[in-house]
Amino acid sequence: MTWEEDARAETEGLKPYFVTKYGWAPRIAEPGGQEILDLYLTFTSKRLGGHVFGLRLRYLPDWQVAGRREAFVNPQQASEEGPEYWPPAAGTTVRGINPRHNPPVICLRGTWGYHSVLHADRPMGDSTLLTLLLELQRVFDE
């Protein structure tokens, strides 16, 4: 399989039970003319008063080694990204999410920030998309 087929299989293979339970609303986009597959999801944080965050996970040809490139985006307009869309809200920190790092990163297994920026010595291994999303939902709700 090609990296794109692997990425598409992973993104399309999310268990409907968890997608519905957490309201992730996954959407796949393929920007034309580029070797990119983007997965957009929404997260609602119980801990942060029901605030909704938009997350883009970008798959590039090296995603299985370097991790999925993470960015928080405007949940209403996914083309808008930047530090203002990253948690924390109102000064509250969220474990594993560091918007003040340059670049902003998520330090959870399966993301580029974890595997290529902060812990480059740790391989992707069994860092499945579902494992990453469940852990991210957990940190939003703890």
N, C-alpha and C. Protein backbone atom coordinates (compact mmCIF):
# COMPACT_ATOMS: atom_id res chain seq x y z
N MET A 1 0.83 -1.20 0.00
CA MET A 1 0.00 0.00 0.00
C MET A 1 0.87 1.25 0.00
N THR A 2 0.35 2.30 -0.59
CA THR A 2 1.05 3.58 -0.56
C THR A 2 0.74 4.29 0.76
N TRP A 3 1.50 5.33 1.06
CA TRP A 3 1.24 6.09 2.28
C TRP A 3 -0.16 6.69 2.25
N GLU A 4 -0.62 7.11 1.06
CA GLU A 4 -1.96 7.69 0.95
C GLU A 4 -3.04 6.65 1.23
N GLU A 5 -2.86 5.45 0.71
CA GLU A 5 -3.83 4.39 0.96
C GLU A 5 -3.87 4.03 2.45
N ASP A 6 -2.70 3.97 3.07
CA ASP A 6 -2.64 3.70 4.52
C ASP A 6 -3.33 4.80 5.31
N ALA A 7 -3.06 6.06 4.94
CA ALA A 7 -3.67 7.19 5.65
C ALA A 7 -5.19 7.19 5.46
N ARG A 8 -5.63 6.98 4.24
CA ARG A 8 -7.07 6.97 3.97
C ARG A 8 -7.75 5.82 4.72
N ALA A 9 -7.13 4.65 4.72
CA ALA A 9 -7.70 3.50 5.45
C ALA A 9 -7.81 3.81 6.93
N GLU A 10 -6.78 4.46 7.48
CA GLU A 10 -6.81 4.80 8.90
C GLU A 10 -7.91 5.82 9.20
N THR A 11 -8.01 6.87 8.40
CA THR A 11 -8.99 7.92 8.67
C THR A 11 -10.42 7.43 8.44
N GLU A 12 -10.61 6.58 7.46
CA GLU A 12 -11.95 6.06 7.18
C GLU A 12 -12.32 4.92 8.11
N GLY A 13 -11.34 4.38 8.84
CA GLY A 13 -11.58 3.25 9.72
C GLY A 13 -11.93 3.61 11.15
N LEU A 14 -12.18 4.89 11.42
CA LEU A 14 -12.55 5.27 12.78
C LEU A 14 -13.87 4.59 13.17
N LYS A 15 -13.91 4.09 14.37
CA LYS A 15 -15.10 3.40 14.85
C LYS A 15 -16.26 4.38 15.02
N PRO A 16 -17.38 4.12 14.35
CA PRO A 16 -18.54 5.02 14.44
C PRO A 16 -19.02 5.24 15.87
N TYR A 17 -18.86 4.26 16.73
CA TYR A 17 -19.29 4.41 18.13
C TYR A 17 -18.61 5.61 18.78
N PHE A 18 -17.28 5.70 18.65
CA PHE A 18 -16.54 6.79 19.28
C PHE A 18 -16.78 8.12 18.57
N VAL A 19 -16.88 8.08 17.25
CA VAL A 19 -17.16 9.30 16.49
C VAL A 19 -18.47 9.92 16.96
N THR A 20 -19.49 9.09 17.12
CA THR A 20 -20.80 9.57 17.57
C THR A 20 -20.76 9.98 19.04
N LYS A 21 -20.17 9.15 19.88
CA LYS A 21 -20.12 9.42 21.32
C LYS A 21 -19.48 10.77 21.63
N TYR A 22 -18.38 11.08 20.94
CA TYR A 22 -17.64 12.31 21.24
C TYR A 22 -17.92 13.45 20.25
N GLY A 23 -18.69 13.20 19.21
CA GLY A 23 -19.04 14.26 18.26
C GLY A 23 -17.86 14.77 17.46
N TRP A 24 -16.95 13.87 17.10
CA TRP A 24 -15.74 14.31 16.40
C TRP A 24 -15.98 14.83 14.99
N ALA A 25 -17.02 14.38 14.32
CA ALA A 25 -17.38 14.84 12.97
C ALA A 25 -16.18 14.84 12.01
N PRO A 26 -15.56 13.69 11.78
CA PRO A 26 -14.38 13.67 10.90
C PRO A 26 -14.73 14.04 9.46
N ARG A 27 -13.80 14.78 8.84
CA ARG A 27 -13.93 15.16 7.44
C ARG A 27 -12.55 15.08 6.81
N ILE A 28 -12.47 14.45 5.66
CA ILE A 28 -11.20 14.27 4.96
C ILE A 28 -11.14 15.25 3.78
N ALA A 29 -9.99 15.88 3.61
CA ALA A 29 -9.78 16.79 2.49
C ALA A 29 -8.43 16.49 1.86
N GLU A 30 -8.38 16.61 0.56
CA GLU A 30 -7.13 16.43 -0.17
C GLU A 30 -6.86 17.69 -0.98
N PRO A 31 -6.03 18.58 -0.45
CA PRO A 31 -5.70 19.79 -1.21
C PRO A 31 -5.10 19.42 -2.57
N GLY A 32 -5.63 19.97 -3.61
CA GLY A 32 -5.21 19.64 -4.97
C GLY A 32 -3.75 19.92 -5.25
N GLY A 33 -3.13 19.02 -6.01
CA GLY A 33 -1.76 19.21 -6.46
C GLY A 33 -0.69 19.02 -5.40
N GLN A 34 -1.05 18.51 -4.23
CA GLN A 34 -0.07 18.33 -3.17
C GLN A 34 -0.17 16.91 -2.63
N GLU A 35 0.94 16.42 -2.08
CA GLU A 35 0.94 15.12 -1.43
C GLU A 35 0.52 15.29 0.02
N ILE A 36 -0.77 15.56 0.21
CA ILE A 36 -1.32 15.84 1.54
C ILE A 36 -2.70 15.20 1.64
N LEU A 37 -2.97 14.66 2.81
CA LEU A 37 -4.33 14.23 3.17
C LEU A 37 -4.61 14.86 4.53
N ASP A 38 -5.66 15.65 4.62
CA ASP A 38 -6.01 16.32 5.87
C ASP A 38 -7.25 15.68 6.47
N LEU A 39 -7.19 15.44 7.76
CA LEU A 39 -8.33 14.97 8.52
C LEU A 39 -8.72 16.08 9.49
N TYR A 40 -9.97 16.54 9.41
CA TYR A 40 -10.48 17.56 10.31
C TYR A 40 -11.45 16.92 11.29
N LEU A 41 -11.33 17.29 12.57
CA LEU A 41 -12.19 16.78 13.62
C LEU A 41 -12.57 17.91 14.56
N THR A 42 -13.66 17.72 15.30
CA THR A 42 -14.01 18.68 16.33
C THR A 42 -14.00 17.99 17.69
N PHE A 43 -13.58 18.73 18.69
CA PHE A 43 -13.54 18.24 20.07
C PHE A 43 -14.29 19.22 20.94
N THR A 44 -15.15 18.70 21.79
CA THR A 44 -15.84 19.52 22.77
C THR A 44 -15.23 19.21 24.12
N SER A 45 -14.80 20.24 24.82
CA SER A 45 -14.11 20.06 26.09
C SER A 45 -15.06 20.28 27.26
N LYS A 46 -15.35 19.22 28.00
CA LYS A 46 -16.15 19.35 29.22
C LYS A 46 -15.42 20.25 30.21
N ARG A 47 -14.11 20.07 30.30
CA ARG A 47 -13.30 20.80 31.26
C ARG A 47 -13.28 22.30 31.00
N LEU A 48 -13.37 22.67 29.74
CA LEU A 48 -13.29 24.09 29.37
C LEU A 48 -14.68 24.64 29.02
N GLY A 49 -15.68 24.21 29.77
CA GLY A 49 -17.01 24.76 29.63
C GLY A 49 -17.70 24.47 28.31
N GLY A 50 -17.42 23.34 27.69
CA GLY A 50 -18.06 22.99 26.44
C GLY A 50 -17.47 23.66 25.22
N HIS A 51 -16.30 24.29 25.38
CA HIS A 51 -15.65 24.95 24.25
C HIS A 51 -15.36 23.93 23.15
N VAL A 52 -15.60 24.31 21.90
CA VAL A 52 -15.37 23.42 20.76
C VAL A 52 -14.07 23.83 20.08
N PHE A 53 -13.22 22.84 19.84
CA PHE A 53 -11.95 23.05 19.15
C PHE A 53 -11.96 22.28 17.83
N GLY A 54 -11.38 22.87 16.80
CA GLY A 54 -11.21 22.19 15.53
C GLY A 54 -9.76 21.74 15.43
N LEU A 55 -9.56 20.49 15.02
CA LEU A 55 -8.20 19.95 14.88
C LEU A 55 -8.00 19.46 13.46
N ARG A 56 -6.86 19.82 12.88
CA ARG A 56 -6.46 19.27 11.60
C ARG A 56 -5.26 18.37 11.82
N LEU A 57 -5.38 17.14 11.38
CA LEU A 57 -4.25 16.22 11.37
C LEU A 57 -3.85 16.04 9.91
N ARG A 58 -2.63 16.43 9.59
CA ARG A 58 -2.15 16.39 8.21
C ARG A 58 -1.26 15.17 8.01
N TYR A 59 -1.62 14.40 7.02
CA TYR A 59 -0.84 13.22 6.63
C TYR A 59 0.03 13.60 5.43
N LEU A 60 1.33 13.40 5.59
CA LEU A 60 2.29 13.60 4.51
C LEU A 60 2.97 12.26 4.25
N PRO A 61 3.76 12.14 3.18
CA PRO A 61 4.36 10.84 2.87
C PRO A 61 5.13 10.19 4.02
N ASP A 62 5.67 10.98 4.95
CA ASP A 62 6.46 10.41 6.05
C ASP A 62 5.66 10.25 7.35
N TRP A 63 4.33 10.31 7.29
CA TRP A 63 3.51 10.35 8.51
C TRP A 63 3.72 9.15 9.41
N GLN A 64 4.04 7.99 8.86
CA GLN A 64 4.19 6.79 9.68
C GLN A 64 5.48 6.78 10.49
N VAL A 65 6.39 7.70 10.18
CA VAL A 65 7.63 7.85 10.92
C VAL A 65 7.62 9.16 11.72
N ALA A 66 7.24 10.25 11.07
CA ALA A 66 7.32 11.58 11.68
C ALA A 66 6.09 11.94 12.50
N GLY A 67 4.99 11.25 12.28
CA GLY A 67 3.75 11.57 12.98
C GLY A 67 2.83 12.42 12.12
N ARG A 68 1.59 12.53 12.55
CA ARG A 68 0.59 13.33 11.85
C ARG A 68 0.81 14.79 12.26
N ARG A 69 0.89 15.69 11.30
CA ARG A 69 1.13 17.12 11.61
C ARG A 69 -0.14 17.72 12.19
N GLU A 70 -0.03 18.29 13.38
CA GLU A 70 -1.20 18.78 14.09
C GLU A 70 -1.31 20.29 14.00
N ALA A 71 -2.54 20.77 13.93
CA ALA A 71 -2.82 22.20 14.01
C ALA A 71 -4.27 22.36 14.44
N PHE A 72 -4.51 23.28 15.37
CA PHE A 72 -5.87 23.60 15.72
C PHE A 72 -6.33 24.70 14.78
N VAL A 73 -7.58 24.58 14.34
CA VAL A 73 -8.14 25.49 13.35
C VAL A 73 -9.47 26.03 13.87
N ASN A 74 -9.96 27.04 13.20
CA ASN A 74 -11.27 27.59 13.51
C ASN A 74 -12.31 26.50 13.21
N PRO A 75 -13.10 26.07 14.19
CA PRO A 75 -14.06 24.99 13.94
C PRO A 75 -15.14 25.37 12.92
N GLN A 76 -15.38 26.67 12.73
CA GLN A 76 -16.38 27.09 11.73
C GLN A 76 -15.76 27.34 10.36
N GLN A 77 -14.45 27.57 10.31
CA GLN A 77 -13.77 27.86 9.05
C GLN A 77 -12.39 27.21 9.10
N ALA A 78 -12.31 25.97 8.67
CA ALA A 78 -11.10 25.17 8.84
C ALA A 78 -9.88 25.73 8.13
N SER A 79 -10.05 26.65 7.19
CA SER A 79 -8.89 27.23 6.51
C SER A 79 -8.16 28.24 7.40
N GLU A 80 -8.79 28.64 8.51
CA GLU A 80 -8.16 29.58 9.44
C GLU A 80 -7.48 28.79 10.57
N GLU A 81 -6.16 28.96 10.67
CA GLU A 81 -5.42 28.29 11.73
C GLU A 81 -4.51 29.29 12.42
N GLY A 82 -4.07 28.93 13.60
CA GLY A 82 -3.15 29.80 14.32
C GLY A 82 -3.26 29.59 15.81
N PRO A 83 -2.35 30.22 16.55
CA PRO A 83 -2.31 30.03 18.01
C PRO A 83 -3.61 30.39 18.70
N GLU A 84 -4.39 31.29 18.14
CA GLU A 84 -5.63 31.70 18.78
C GLU A 84 -6.67 30.57 18.83
N TYR A 85 -6.49 29.53 18.03
CA TYR A 85 -7.44 28.42 18.02
C TYR A 85 -6.98 27.25 18.89
N TRP A 86 -5.78 27.36 19.45
CA TRP A 86 -5.25 26.30 20.30
C TRP A 86 -5.76 26.45 21.72
N PRO A 87 -6.00 25.32 22.39
CA PRO A 87 -6.22 25.42 23.84
C PRO A 87 -4.90 25.86 24.45
N PRO A 88 -4.83 26.44 25.56
CA PRO A 88 -5.89 26.60 26.55
C PRO A 88 -6.73 27.84 26.32
N ALA A 89 -7.91 27.79 26.89
CA ALA A 89 -8.79 28.96 26.89
C ALA A 89 -8.69 29.60 28.27
N ALA A 90 -8.68 30.88 28.33
CA ALA A 90 -8.67 31.64 29.59
C ALA A 90 -7.56 31.21 30.54
N GLY A 91 -6.37 30.94 29.99
CA GLY A 91 -5.22 30.65 30.83
C GLY A 91 -5.18 29.25 31.42
N THR A 92 -6.13 28.41 31.13
CA THR A 92 -6.15 27.04 31.65
C THR A 92 -5.26 26.16 30.78
N THR A 93 -4.39 25.40 31.38
CA THR A 93 -3.54 24.51 30.58
C THR A 93 -4.24 23.19 30.34
N VAL A 94 -3.91 22.58 29.22
CA VAL A 94 -4.42 21.26 28.87
C VAL A 94 -3.21 20.36 28.69
N ARG A 95 -3.14 19.30 29.48
CA ARG A 95 -1.99 18.40 29.46
C ARG A 95 -1.69 17.91 28.04
N GLY A 96 -0.43 18.00 27.66
CA GLY A 96 0.01 17.49 26.37
C GLY A 96 -0.17 18.45 25.21
N ILE A 97 -0.73 19.62 25.45
CA ILE A 97 -0.95 20.59 24.38
C ILE A 97 -0.17 21.85 24.73
N ASN A 98 0.75 22.24 23.84
CA ASN A 98 1.60 23.38 24.13
C ASN A 98 1.54 24.40 22.99
N PRO A 99 0.61 25.35 23.08
CA PRO A 99 0.51 26.35 22.02
C PRO A 99 1.64 27.37 22.05
N ARG A 100 2.40 27.42 23.15
CA ARG A 100 3.48 28.41 23.27
C ARG A 100 4.81 27.92 22.70
N HIS A 101 4.87 26.62 22.38
CA HIS A 101 6.08 26.08 21.75
C HIS A 101 6.16 26.66 20.34
N ASN A 102 7.37 26.75 19.80
CA ASN A 102 7.53 27.23 18.44
C ASN A 102 8.08 26.10 17.57
N PRO A 103 7.26 25.47 16.74
CA PRO A 103 5.84 25.70 16.50
C PRO A 103 4.99 25.08 17.60
N PRO A 104 3.70 25.50 17.71
CA PRO A 104 2.81 24.87 18.69
C PRO A 104 2.73 23.37 18.44
N VAL A 105 2.68 22.58 19.51
CA VAL A 105 2.69 21.12 19.36
C VAL A 105 1.74 20.44 20.33
N ILE A 106 1.38 19.23 19.94
CA ILE A 106 0.66 18.32 20.83
C ILE A 106 1.67 17.24 21.22
N CYS A 107 1.90 17.08 22.50
CA CYS A 107 2.84 16.07 22.97
C CYS A 107 2.06 14.82 23.38
N LEU A 108 1.42 14.20 22.40
CA LEU A 108 0.73 12.93 22.57
C LEU A 108 1.17 12.01 21.44
N ARG A 109 1.38 10.74 21.77
CA ARG A 109 1.85 9.79 20.77
C ARG A 109 0.97 9.79 19.53
N GLY A 110 1.61 9.84 18.38
CA GLY A 110 0.91 9.83 17.11
C GLY A 110 0.95 11.15 16.37
N THR A 111 1.43 12.20 17.05
CA THR A 111 1.52 13.50 16.40
C THR A 111 2.97 13.84 16.06
N TRP A 112 3.12 14.75 15.13
CA TRP A 112 4.44 15.20 14.71
C TRP A 112 5.17 15.87 15.87
N GLY A 113 4.45 16.65 16.67
CA GLY A 113 5.08 17.31 17.81
C GLY A 113 5.71 16.34 18.78
N TYR A 114 5.06 15.22 18.99
CA TYR A 114 5.59 14.20 19.90
C TYR A 114 6.77 13.48 19.26
N HIS A 115 6.57 12.92 18.06
CA HIS A 115 7.56 12.04 17.46
C HIS A 115 8.72 12.75 16.77
N SER A 116 8.52 13.96 16.29
CA SER A 116 9.58 14.62 15.53
C SER A 116 10.14 15.88 16.18
N VAL A 117 9.44 16.45 17.15
CA VAL A 117 9.91 17.67 17.78
C VAL A 117 10.40 17.39 19.19
N LEU A 118 9.53 16.84 20.03
CA LEU A 118 9.85 16.68 21.45
C LEU A 118 10.50 15.35 21.80
N HIS A 119 10.13 14.30 21.10
CA HIS A 119 10.66 12.96 21.41
C HIS A 119 11.07 12.25 20.12
N ALA A 120 12.00 12.85 19.40
CA ALA A 120 12.41 12.33 18.09
C ALA A 120 13.00 10.93 18.16
N ASP A 121 13.40 10.50 19.35
CA ASP A 121 13.99 9.17 19.51
C ASP A 121 12.93 8.07 19.67
N ARG A 122 11.65 8.45 19.74
CA ARG A 122 10.59 7.46 19.97
C ARG A 122 9.82 7.20 18.67
N PRO A 123 9.78 5.96 18.22
CA PRO A 123 9.11 5.64 16.96
C PRO A 123 7.58 5.68 17.09
N MET A 124 6.91 5.80 15.96
CA MET A 124 5.45 5.81 15.95
C MET A 124 4.89 4.51 16.51
N GLY A 125 5.45 3.38 16.10
CA GLY A 125 5.00 2.09 16.63
C GLY A 125 3.51 1.90 16.53
N ASP A 126 2.84 1.70 17.67
CA ASP A 126 1.41 1.42 17.67
C ASP A 126 0.56 2.67 17.92
N SER A 127 1.01 3.79 17.45
CA SER A 127 0.30 5.04 17.67
C SER A 127 -0.84 5.17 16.66
N THR A 128 -1.93 4.47 16.94
CA THR A 128 -3.06 4.49 16.02
C THR A 128 -3.83 5.80 16.15
N LEU A 129 -4.59 6.11 15.13
CA LEU A 129 -5.40 7.31 15.15
C LEU A 129 -6.43 7.25 16.28
N LEU A 130 -7.07 6.12 16.46
CA LEU A 130 -8.08 6.01 17.52
C LEU A 130 -7.45 6.22 18.90
N THR A 131 -6.28 5.63 19.13
CA THR A 131 -5.58 5.81 20.41
C THR A 131 -5.30 7.29 20.65
N LEU A 132 -4.80 7.98 19.63
CA LEU A 132 -4.51 9.41 19.74
C LEU A 132 -5.77 10.21 20.04
N LEU A 133 -6.85 9.96 19.32
CA LEU A 133 -8.07 10.73 19.51
C LEU A 133 -8.70 10.49 20.87
N LEU A 134 -8.67 9.26 21.34
CA LEU A 134 -9.22 8.97 22.67
C LEU A 134 -8.39 9.65 23.76
N GLU A 135 -7.08 9.65 23.60
CA GLU A 135 -6.22 10.33 24.59
C GLU A 135 -6.46 11.84 24.54
N LEU A 136 -6.58 12.39 23.36
CA LEU A 136 -6.84 13.83 23.24
C LEU A 136 -8.19 14.18 23.86
N GLN A 137 -9.20 13.37 23.62
CA GLN A 137 -10.50 13.63 24.23
C GLN A 137 -10.40 13.56 25.75
N ARG A 138 -9.62 12.59 26.24
CA ARG A 138 -9.44 12.45 27.69
C ARG A 138 -8.80 13.69 28.30
N VAL A 139 -7.77 14.26 27.64
CA VAL A 139 -7.13 15.44 28.21
C VAL A 139 -8.03 16.67 28.13
N PHE A 140 -8.91 16.72 27.14
CA PHE A 140 -9.87 17.82 27.07
C PHE A 140 -10.90 17.73 28.19
N ASP A 141 -11.17 16.52 28.64
CA ASP A 141 -12.23 16.33 29.63
C ASP A 141 -11.75 16.18 31.06
N GLU A 142 -10.43 15.98 31.29
CA GLU A 142 -9.95 15.73 32.66
C GLU A 142 -9.94 16.98 33.50
